[in-house]
Amino acid sequence: MNRQLILFCLALIIATRMCLAQESPLPSVAPVADAGTITDLEDAVWQAYKNKQPRSFSKLFYKTYYGVYASGIKTLDMEVADIEKTDIDSYSFADIKVEFPNANIAVITYKATQEATSSGQDVSGAYYCESVWVKKGAKWLNTFHTEIKSK
């Protein structure tokens, strides 16, 4: 429990720093995407992972992506390597919230429920998740993700 709290706090600090580090935020500018777009992108990440499509999966991430989990911090290459070790039978999202700190950043939080195994271990259950999406040119890319298993 203590370790999960530390990881959650670390994730929150990183996400906050990313949001505050943006140059000249324009709070009066409406976001160029809506919550549905970001939700669809998050679902596309899970779908590519479930279907074991590393190329499609990788295209949704920024090159300096980091994921924070109870097992440690992962880079995009580490996430891609884990695709072959993981079998997701099903997943669903609930309690989805999307915020736009500015027109080029989206933060999505949600509860994911999955039936899955990873390296032969059952990892099924409910997880509280957060991702940070950043608009680079015309494309939204995931730069940060964290998930904590629900008790």
Protein backbone atom coordinates (compact mmCIF):
# COMPACT_ATOMS: atom_id res chain seq x y z
CA MET A 1 0.00 0.00 0.00
CA ASN A 2 2.78 2.39 0.95
CA ARG A 3 4.64 1.64 -2.29
CA GLN A 4 1.51 2.31 -4.37
CA LEU A 5 0.98 5.61 -2.58
CA ILE A 6 4.56 6.64 -3.32
CA LEU A 7 4.19 5.68 -7.00
CA PHE A 8 0.90 7.55 -7.23
CA CYS A 9 2.47 10.67 -5.69
CA LEU A 10 5.42 10.39 -8.08
CA ALA A 11 3.04 10.12 -11.03
CA LEU A 12 1.04 13.11 -9.85
CA ILE A 13 4.19 15.21 -9.45
CA ILE A 14 5.43 14.26 -12.93
CA ALA A 15 2.05 15.01 -14.53
CA THR A 16 1.83 18.35 -12.73
CA ARG A 17 5.34 19.33 -13.77
CA MET A 18 4.56 18.47 -17.39
CA CYS A 19 1.47 20.65 -17.31
CA LEU A 20 3.19 23.58 -15.63
CA ALA A 21 6.24 23.40 -17.90
CA GLN A 22 4.28 24.39 -20.98
CA GLU A 23 5.09 27.78 -22.47
CA SER A 24 2.42 30.49 -22.54
CA PRO A 25 -0.68 28.53 -21.60
CA LEU A 26 -3.78 29.96 -23.20
CA PRO A 27 -6.62 29.24 -20.76
CA SER A 28 -9.14 31.12 -22.87
CA VAL A 29 -8.48 28.93 -25.92
CA ALA A 30 -10.89 26.03 -26.35
CA PRO A 31 -9.21 22.61 -26.70
CA VAL A 32 -8.73 21.42 -30.26
CA ALA A 33 -9.93 17.96 -29.25
CA ASP A 34 -12.82 16.89 -27.12
CA ALA A 35 -13.06 14.31 -24.36
CA GLY A 36 -14.35 11.74 -26.86
CA THR A 37 -11.22 12.05 -28.99
CA ILE A 38 -8.93 11.47 -26.02
CA THR A 39 -11.07 8.59 -24.75
CA ASP A 40 -10.95 7.00 -28.22
CA LEU A 41 -7.14 7.34 -28.29
CA GLU A 42 -6.84 5.74 -24.85
CA ASP A 43 -9.06 2.88 -26.02
CA ALA A 44 -6.89 2.52 -29.16
CA VAL A 45 -3.84 2.02 -26.90
CA TRP A 46 -5.57 -0.76 -24.98
CA GLN A 47 -6.92 -2.33 -28.19
CA ALA A 48 -3.49 -2.39 -29.86
CA TYR A 49 -1.98 -3.94 -26.71
CA LYS A 50 -4.77 -6.53 -26.50
CA ASN A 51 -4.40 -7.41 -30.20
CA LYS A 52 -0.58 -7.61 -29.91
CA GLN A 53 0.04 -4.89 -32.50
CA PRO A 54 3.32 -3.26 -31.40
CA ARG A 55 3.52 -0.95 -34.44
CA SER A 56 0.02 0.45 -33.96
CA PHE A 57 0.67 0.69 -30.22
CA SER A 58 3.97 2.59 -30.64
CA LYS A 59 2.46 5.14 -33.05
CA LEU A 60 0.23 6.40 -30.24
CA PHE A 61 3.16 7.38 -27.98
CA TYR A 62 5.72 10.16 -27.82
CA LYS A 63 9.34 8.96 -27.98
CA THR A 64 10.06 10.03 -24.37
CA TYR A 65 7.02 8.26 -22.89
CA TYR A 66 7.18 6.90 -19.34
CA GLY A 67 4.79 4.54 -17.54
CA VAL A 68 4.73 4.28 -13.75
CA TYR A 69 3.54 1.04 -12.21
CA ALA A 70 3.88 -0.85 -8.91
CA SER A 71 6.62 -2.90 -10.62
CA GLY A 72 8.62 0.20 -11.63
CA ILE A 73 9.03 2.83 -14.33
CA LYS A 74 8.88 1.75 -17.97
CA THR A 75 9.95 3.33 -21.24
CA LEU A 76 8.07 2.84 -24.50
CA ASP A 77 10.50 0.08 -25.54
CA MET A 78 9.81 -1.77 -22.29
CA GLU A 79 6.04 -1.44 -22.80
CA VAL A 80 6.34 -2.81 -26.35
CA ALA A 81 8.42 -5.76 -25.11
CA ASP A 82 5.69 -6.60 -22.58
CA ILE A 83 3.02 -6.92 -25.30
CA GLU A 84 4.11 -10.47 -26.17
CA LYS A 85 4.09 -11.49 -22.49
CA THR A 86 0.55 -10.25 -21.85
CA ASP A 87 -2.82 -11.66 -22.85
CA ILE A 88 -5.81 -9.36 -22.33
CA ASP A 89 -9.06 -11.27 -22.74
CA SER A 90 -11.31 -8.27 -22.06
CA TYR A 91 -11.25 -4.75 -20.63
CA SER A 92 -13.64 -1.90 -19.96
CA PHE A 93 -13.45 1.71 -18.79
CA ALA A 94 -15.61 3.51 -16.22
CA ASP A 95 -15.65 6.89 -14.46
CA ILE A 96 -13.80 8.57 -17.33
CA LYS A 97 -12.76 12.19 -16.83
CA VAL A 98 -10.80 14.29 -19.33
CA GLU A 99 -9.32 17.70 -18.54
CA PHE A 100 -7.49 20.10 -20.84
CA PRO A 101 -4.98 22.26 -18.88
CA ASN A 102 -4.39 24.01 -22.21
CA ALA A 103 -5.20 23.42 -25.88
CA ASN A 104 -2.25 21.03 -26.37
CA ILE A 105 -2.49 18.87 -23.24
CA ALA A 106 -5.15 16.40 -22.14
CA VAL A 107 -5.22 14.45 -18.88
CA ILE A 108 -7.52 11.42 -18.73
CA THR A 109 -8.37 9.49 -15.56
CA TYR A 110 -10.54 6.39 -15.40
CA LYS A 111 -11.11 3.00 -13.83
CA ALA A 112 -10.14 0.07 -16.06
CA THR A 113 -11.34 -3.44 -15.39
CA GLN A 114 -9.52 -6.24 -17.18
CA GLU A 115 -9.33 -9.99 -17.48
CA ALA A 116 -5.66 -10.65 -18.27
CA THR A 117 -2.46 -12.56 -17.62
CA SER A 118 1.12 -11.30 -17.82
CA SER A 119 4.08 -13.68 -17.86
CA GLY A 120 1.69 -16.44 -16.79
CA GLN A 121 0.42 -14.50 -13.74
CA ASP A 122 -3.21 -13.45 -13.36
CA VAL A 123 -3.36 -9.63 -13.42
CA SER A 124 -7.13 -9.40 -13.70
CA GLY A 125 -8.94 -6.77 -11.71
CA ALA A 126 -9.78 -3.11 -11.48
CA TYR A 127 -7.11 -0.42 -11.91
CA TYR A 128 -7.19 3.34 -11.45
CA CYS A 129 -5.44 4.88 -14.46
CA GLU A 130 -4.18 8.24 -15.67
CA SER A 131 -2.62 9.23 -18.98
CA VAL A 132 -1.26 12.52 -20.23
CA TRP A 133 -1.72 13.23 -23.94
CA VAL A 134 0.18 16.03 -25.70
CA LYS A 135 -0.58 17.46 -29.12
CA LYS A 136 2.52 17.37 -31.31
CA GLY A 137 1.77 19.00 -34.65
CA ALA A 138 -1.57 17.58 -35.75
CA LYS A 139 -1.26 14.39 -33.69
CA TRP A 140 -2.12 13.59 -30.06
CA LEU A 141 0.52 11.38 -28.41
CA ASN A 142 0.58 9.65 -25.04
CA THR A 143 3.54 10.90 -22.96
CA PHE A 144 2.75 9.42 -19.56
CA HIS A 145 0.62 6.63 -18.08
CA THR A 146 0.16 5.20 -14.62
CA GLU A 147 -2.13 2.63 -13.09
CA ILE A 148 -2.69 1.41 -9.56
CA LYS A 149 -4.58 -1.80 -8.79
CA SER A 150 -7.77 -1.24 -6.82
CA LYS A 151 -8.09 -2.95 -3.47
